[in-house]
């Protein structure tokens, strides 16, 4: 007797894509909250003061960052520029 199970790969791929997009949104939200918090606390402070805090916070949300990127983001925070993440 044949089974009634049919695998719909199109539906599976759509569901997987939807789950992945949700995970990316969650991660982006965590980073956005981190950036916004650092901006409020460290706007106007020297980049050398912002960098170690940013590195620690970046690691806390689960990532690593190169020193040039760290300097760029710390400079923006120091200058009071809001870093806005956009997920496409």
Protein backbone atom coordinates (compact mmCIF):
# COMPACT_ATOMS: atom_id res chain seq x y z
CA UNK A 1 0.00 0.00 0.00
CA UNK A 2 1.40 3.39 -0.98
CA UNK A 3 1.83 6.12 1.58
CA UNK A 4 -0.14 9.38 1.29
CA UNK A 5 2.88 11.51 2.19
CA UNK A 6 4.03 13.95 -0.47
CA UNK A 7 6.99 16.22 0.00
CA UNK A 8 6.34 19.73 -1.30
CA UNK A 9 9.83 21.15 -1.73
CA UNK A 10 8.50 24.59 -2.78
CA UNK A 11 6.50 24.95 0.42
CA UNK A 12 9.42 23.69 2.50
CA UNK A 13 11.76 26.23 0.88
CA UNK A 14 9.29 29.08 1.49
CA UNK A 15 8.91 28.10 5.14
CA UNK A 16 12.68 27.80 5.58
CA UNK A 17 13.20 31.21 3.98
CA UNK A 18 10.56 32.74 6.26
CA UNK A 19 12.25 31.26 9.34
CA UNK A 20 15.68 32.48 8.22
CA UNK A 21 14.36 35.99 7.58
CA UNK A 22 12.86 36.04 11.06
CA UNK A 23 16.18 35.01 12.59
CA UNK A 24 18.02 37.71 10.63
CA UNK A 25 15.49 40.30 11.82
CA UNK A 26 16.02 39.19 15.44
CA UNK A 27 19.79 39.50 15.11
CA UNK A 28 19.52 42.89 13.43
CA UNK A 29 17.23 44.04 16.23
CA UNK A 30 19.80 42.99 18.85
CA UNK A 31 22.54 44.94 17.07
CA UNK A 32 20.27 47.97 16.59
CA UNK A 33 19.47 48.03 20.30
CA UNK A 34 23.19 47.80 21.06
CA UNK A 35 24.05 50.68 18.72
CA UNK A 36 21.24 52.86 20.05
CA UNK A 37 22.24 52.23 23.66
CA UNK A 38 25.90 52.98 22.96
CA UNK A 39 24.96 56.18 21.13
CA UNK A 40 22.96 57.41 24.12
CA UNK A 41 25.76 56.62 26.57
CA UNK A 42 28.89 57.46 24.55
CA UNK A 43 27.98 60.31 22.20
CA UNK A 44 30.67 62.96 22.56
CA UNK A 45 33.17 60.62 24.20
CA UNK A 46 36.57 59.91 22.67
CA UNK A 47 36.78 57.04 20.18
CA UNK A 48 39.38 55.30 22.38
CA UNK A 49 36.79 55.18 25.16
CA UNK A 50 34.04 53.86 22.89
CA UNK A 51 36.05 51.09 21.18
CA UNK A 52 36.54 48.68 24.11
CA UNK A 53 32.90 49.00 25.15
CA UNK A 54 31.74 48.45 21.58
CA UNK A 55 34.00 45.39 21.19
CA UNK A 56 32.63 43.90 24.43
CA UNK A 57 29.00 44.60 23.48
CA UNK A 58 29.54 43.25 19.96
CA UNK A 59 30.88 39.99 21.40
CA UNK A 60 27.98 39.84 23.85
CA UNK A 61 25.46 39.76 21.01
CA UNK A 62 27.46 37.00 19.37
CA UNK A 63 29.75 38.55 16.82
CA UNK A 64 33.29 39.53 16.15
CA UNK A 65 34.49 42.72 14.51
CA UNK A 66 37.73 43.81 12.86
CA UNK A 67 39.66 46.74 14.28
CA UNK A 68 39.02 48.98 11.24
CA UNK A 69 35.26 48.31 11.49
CA UNK A 70 35.40 48.87 15.24
CA UNK A 71 37.08 52.23 14.70
CA UNK A 72 34.53 53.24 12.06
CA UNK A 73 31.54 52.40 14.27
CA UNK A 74 33.14 53.91 17.38
CA UNK A 75 33.80 57.11 15.45
CA UNK A 76 30.17 57.34 14.35
CA UNK A 77 28.98 56.78 17.92
CA UNK A 78 31.44 59.36 19.25
CA UNK A 79 30.22 61.88 16.67
CA UNK A 80 26.61 61.25 17.63
CA UNK A 81 25.66 59.62 14.32
CA UNK A 82 22.94 56.99 14.59
CA UNK A 83 23.89 53.69 13.00
CA UNK A 84 20.77 52.22 11.42
CA UNK A 85 20.62 48.60 10.33
CA UNK A 86 18.38 47.68 7.42
CA UNK A 87 17.54 44.14 6.45
CA UNK A 88 16.56 43.63 2.84
